[in-house]
Amino acid sequence: MPSEAKLSVTLTEEMAAMIGRAVESGDYASASEVVREALRTWKLQRGQAEQERVLLRDVIARSIASGNVGEVSAETIKAEGRALLAARRTVEKAKV
């Protein structure tokens, strides 16, 4: 089991109430469990965002390397990156 560290965190009243409701509902045994779950979700989202940034950099690099100079909108680049990311996720899911 990983070692634990105690932290003191200040939350808004709304956030504290959300945690309290999650514990009161029985979905979680403690506020700590709620926060740990939130951090796991945050970590996943950050990983996905990093994958998207890497793909966008790749799309931009390939576009520059192609020598096809012209105007391309940011939305076009984003759309191509998202399509590549979706394809990669589909392949990763198929492996599992």
Protein backbone atom coordinates (compact mmCIF):
# COMPACT_ATOMS: atom_id res chain seq x y z
CA MET A 1 0.00 0.00 0.00
CA PRO A 2 1.39 3.42 -0.91
CA SER A 3 2.38 5.68 1.93
CA GLU A 4 -0.06 8.41 2.81
CA ALA A 5 0.41 12.11 3.41
CA LYS A 6 -1.93 14.39 5.28
CA LEU A 7 -2.82 17.67 3.62
CA SER A 8 -4.91 20.61 4.65
CA VAL A 9 -6.99 21.99 1.79
CA THR A 10 -9.31 24.98 1.70
CA LEU A 11 -12.47 24.48 -0.37
CA THR A 12 -15.41 26.66 -1.21
CA GLU A 13 -18.55 26.00 0.79
CA GLU A 14 -20.16 24.58 -2.34
CA MET A 15 -17.33 22.09 -2.85
CA ALA A 16 -17.37 21.05 0.81
CA ALA A 17 -21.15 20.55 0.58
CA MET A 18 -20.73 18.39 -2.53
CA ILE A 19 -18.27 16.18 -0.69
CA GLY A 20 -20.58 16.01 2.32
CA ARG A 21 -23.53 14.96 0.14
CA ALA A 22 -21.43 12.26 -1.53
CA VAL A 23 -20.52 10.82 1.87
CA GLU A 24 -24.05 11.19 3.28
CA SER A 25 -25.52 9.38 0.27
CA GLY A 26 -23.35 6.38 1.06
CA ASP A 27 -21.47 6.55 -2.25
CA TYR A 28 -18.25 7.15 -0.31
CA ALA A 29 -17.21 6.24 3.21
CA SER A 30 -15.28 9.46 3.83
CA ALA A 31 -14.36 12.85 2.44
CA SER A 32 -10.90 11.45 1.76
CA GLU A 33 -12.35 8.82 -0.57
CA VAL A 34 -14.23 11.51 -2.49
CA VAL A 35 -11.08 13.57 -2.90
CA ARG A 36 -8.99 10.55 -3.94
CA GLU A 37 -11.57 9.65 -6.60
CA ALA A 38 -11.61 13.25 -7.84
CA LEU A 39 -7.82 13.23 -8.09
CA ARG A 40 -7.81 9.95 -10.03
CA THR A 41 -10.31 11.44 -12.49
CA TRP A 42 -8.25 14.64 -12.75
CA LYS A 43 -5.12 12.61 -13.45
CA LEU A 44 -6.87 10.73 -16.28
CA GLN A 45 -8.16 13.97 -17.80
CA ARG A 46 -4.70 15.52 -17.69
CA GLY A 47 -3.27 12.45 -19.41
CA GLN A 48 -5.89 12.69 -22.13
CA ALA A 49 -5.22 16.41 -22.57
CA GLU A 50 -1.50 15.68 -22.93
CA GLN A 51 -2.25 13.04 -25.58
CA GLU A 52 -4.29 15.63 -27.47
CA ARG A 53 -1.44 18.17 -27.29
CA VAL A 54 1.03 15.58 -28.60
CA LEU A 55 -1.28 14.72 -31.48
CA LEU A 56 -1.81 18.37 -32.35
CA ARG A 57 1.95 18.96 -32.35
CA ASP A 58 2.30 15.95 -34.65
CA VAL A 59 -0.36 17.26 -37.02
CA ILE A 60 1.33 20.66 -37.13
CA ALA A 61 4.79 19.12 -37.67
CA ARG A 62 3.51 16.88 -40.48
CA SER A 63 1.76 19.83 -42.09
CA ILE A 64 4.93 21.92 -42.00
CA ALA A 65 7.03 19.03 -43.29
CA SER A 66 4.64 18.43 -46.19
CA GLY A 67 5.62 21.77 -47.68
CA ASN A 68 1.99 22.47 -48.41
CA VAL A 69 2.02 26.06 -47.34
CA GLY A 70 -1.31 27.74 -47.10
CA GLU A 71 -3.81 28.96 -44.64
CA VAL A 72 -5.21 26.35 -42.32
CA SER A 73 -7.58 27.25 -39.55
CA ALA A 74 -6.97 26.25 -35.98
CA GLU A 75 -10.31 24.44 -36.07
CA THR A 76 -9.11 22.30 -39.00
CA ILE A 77 -5.95 21.38 -37.11
CA LYS A 78 -7.96 20.59 -33.97
CA ALA A 79 -10.45 18.47 -35.92
CA GLU A 80 -7.66 16.42 -37.51
CA GLY A 81 -5.98 15.96 -34.14
CA ARG A 82 -9.22 14.86 -32.52
CA ALA A 83 -9.84 12.38 -35.32
CA LEU A 84 -6.36 10.92 -34.84
CA LEU A 85 -6.90 10.72 -31.09
CA ALA A 86 -10.27 8.98 -31.52
CA ALA A 87 -8.68 6.46 -33.89
CA ARG A 88 -5.85 5.81 -31.45
CA ARG A 89 -8.31 5.30 -28.56
CA THR A 90 -10.32 2.86 -30.67
CA VAL A 91 -7.20 0.83 -31.36
CA GLU A 92 -6.21 0.90 -27.66
CA LYS A 93 -9.70 -0.28 -26.60
CA ALA A 94 -9.53 -3.12 -29.12
CA LYS A 95 -6.29 -4.31 -27.52
CA VAL A 96 -7.97 -4.68 -24.11
